[in-house]
Protein backbone atom coordinates (compact mmCIF):
# COMPACT_ATOMS: atom_id res chain seq x y z
CA UNK A 1 0.00 0.00 0.00
CA UNK A 2 1.35 3.38 -1.00
CA UNK A 3 1.50 6.12 1.67
CA UNK A 4 -0.30 9.34 0.93
CA UNK A 5 2.14 11.89 2.37
CA UNK A 6 -0.18 14.81 1.63
CA UNK A 7 -2.92 13.20 3.74
CA UNK A 8 -0.46 12.54 6.60
CA UNK A 9 0.75 16.18 6.49
CA UNK A 10 -2.86 17.40 6.48
CA UNK A 11 -3.68 15.31 9.57
CA UNK A 12 -0.55 16.54 11.36
CA UNK A 13 -1.47 20.16 10.61
CA UNK A 14 -4.98 19.61 11.98
CA UNK A 15 -3.58 18.01 15.17
CA UNK A 16 -1.08 20.85 15.58
CA UNK A 17 -3.78 23.46 15.12
CA UNK A 18 -6.13 21.81 17.63
CA UNK A 19 -3.66 20.57 20.31
CA UNK A 20 -0.46 22.55 19.74
CA UNK A 21 2.97 21.70 18.37
CA UNK A 22 3.86 19.45 21.33
CA UNK A 23 1.23 16.93 20.20
CA UNK A 24 3.04 16.09 16.97
CA UNK A 25 6.62 15.93 18.28
CA UNK A 26 8.49 12.69 18.65
CA UNK A 27 8.44 11.72 22.37
CA UNK A 28 12.09 10.66 22.22
CA UNK A 29 13.07 14.25 21.40
CA UNK A 30 12.81 15.43 25.02
CA UNK A 31 13.88 12.13 26.67
CA UNK A 32 17.14 12.39 28.64
CA UNK A 33 19.36 10.03 30.64
CA UNK A 34 18.02 11.59 33.85
CA UNK A 35 14.42 10.90 32.82
CA UNK A 36 15.38 7.33 31.92
CA UNK A 37 16.95 6.84 35.36
CA UNK A 38 13.86 8.27 37.12
CA UNK A 39 11.60 6.06 35.02
CA UNK A 40 13.56 2.91 35.89
CA UNK A 41 13.49 3.80 39.60
CA UNK A 42 9.72 4.32 39.48
CA UNK A 43 9.31 1.02 37.64
CA UNK A 44 11.35 -0.78 40.30
CA UNK A 45 9.25 0.79 43.10
CA UNK A 46 6.07 -0.28 41.34
CA UNK A 47 7.31 -3.85 41.03
CA UNK A 48 8.24 -3.94 44.73
CA UNK A 49 4.74 -2.72 45.68
CA UNK A 50 3.13 -5.34 43.43
CA UNK A 51 5.29 -8.09 44.95
CA UNK A 52 4.32 -7.03 48.48
CA UNK A 53 0.64 -6.94 47.51
CA UNK A 54 0.93 -10.37 45.90
CA UNK A 55 2.43 -11.77 49.12
CA UNK A 56 -0.47 -10.37 51.13
CA UNK A 57 -3.13 -11.55 48.66
CA UNK A 58 -1.69 -15.04 48.46
CA UNK A 59 -4.10 -17.74 49.61
CA UNK A 60 -3.20 -20.16 52.41
CA UNK A 61 -5.05 -23.32 53.41
CA UNK A 62 -6.43 -23.17 56.96
CA UNK A 63 -8.55 -26.07 58.21
CA UNK A 64 -9.43 -27.07 54.66
CA UNK A 65 -10.33 -23.54 53.51
CA UNK A 66 -8.35 -21.13 51.36
CA UNK A 67 -7.89 -17.81 53.17
CA UNK A 68 -5.90 -14.74 52.11
CA UNK A 69 -2.86 -13.93 54.20
CA UNK A 70 -4.31 -10.47 54.78
CA UNK A 71 -7.05 -12.00 56.95
CA UNK A 72 -4.52 -13.98 58.96
CA UNK A 73 -2.32 -10.94 59.58
CA UNK A 74 -5.24 -8.70 60.60
CA UNK A 75 -5.42 -8.07 64.32
CA UNK A 76 -8.86 -8.85 65.70
CA UNK A 77 -9.95 -6.40 68.36
CA UNK A 78 -12.65 -7.54 70.74
CA UNK A 79 -13.00 -4.47 72.96
CA UNK A 80 -13.01 -0.75 72.27
CA UNK A 81 -9.62 0.70 73.34
CA UNK A 82 -11.34 3.83 74.71
CA UNK A 83 -14.33 2.58 76.74
CA UNK A 84 -13.41 -1.14 76.93
CA UNK A 85 -16.90 -2.27 75.88
CA UNK A 86 -17.31 -5.27 73.61
CA UNK A 87 -17.46 -4.54 69.86
CA UNK A 88 -20.77 -6.00 68.71
CA UNK A 89 -21.93 -4.46 65.44
CA UNK A 90 -20.50 -4.01 61.98
CA UNK A 91 -20.51 -0.26 62.57
CA UNK A 92 -18.29 -0.80 65.61
CA UNK A 93 -15.86 -2.67 63.35
CA UNK A 94 -15.88 0.13 60.79
CA UNK A 95 -15.19 2.83 63.39
CA UNK A 96 -12.55 0.66 65.05
CA UNK A 97 -10.70 0.21 61.75
CA UNK A 98 -10.83 3.90 60.89
CA UNK A 99 -10.68 5.70 64.26
CA UNK A 100 -9.63 3.00 66.74
CA UNK A 101 -12.84 3.33 68.79
CA UNK A 102 -16.40 1.98 68.85
CA UNK A 103 -19.44 3.76 67.38
CA UNK A 104 -20.49 5.17 70.79
CA UNK A 105 -17.03 6.65 71.41
CA UNK A 106 -16.95 7.98 67.84
CA UNK A 107 -20.18 9.88 68.43
CA UNK A 108 -19.10 11.12 71.86
CA UNK A 109 -15.44 12.03 71.22
CA UNK A 110 -14.59 12.02 67.50
CA UNK A 111 -17.57 13.30 65.51
CA UNK A 112 -17.00 16.91 64.37
CA UNK A 113 -13.52 16.78 66.02
CA UNK A 114 -11.85 14.36 63.64
CA UNK A 115 -8.80 16.54 63.08
CA UNK A 116 -8.03 16.63 66.80
CA UNK A 117 -8.59 12.86 67.07
CA UNK A 118 -6.31 12.09 64.13
CA UNK A 119 -3.61 14.32 65.67
CA UNK A 120 -3.57 11.96 68.66
CA UNK A 121 -5.94 13.40 71.26
CA UNK A 122 -7.69 10.77 73.43
CA UNK A 123 -9.98 11.17 76.47
CA UNK A 124 -8.49 10.67 79.93
CA UNK A 125 -9.20 7.14 81.20
CA UNK A 126 -11.32 8.25 84.22
CA UNK A 127 -13.32 10.58 81.96
CA UNK A 128 -15.15 7.88 80.01
């Protein structure tokens, strides 16, 4: 098949007019050794993250069932660290995972004061 160079030039002109001259340049034109080094470092970091995630997502047989390692590593909390009451509901689990307290303590101490809570403030033990 014969290339129609006039058609190619026409398309390039239209792209340049709509998107600017950077859109039709060869990407290798601005590529440097420093950019190559940064790219390879980022690629290596990405591979390390993927390998760590793969290790966590790997399935292990426990009592005849396949379970992800993530579930085995997860620390199960039974009581609220703030008021020491038993965690009973799914909402308690959600608040415990996010704010390290039960739903009741979230409403009493954290709600509308999340910034202070995340900075490390906790109620005095005799207070609750």
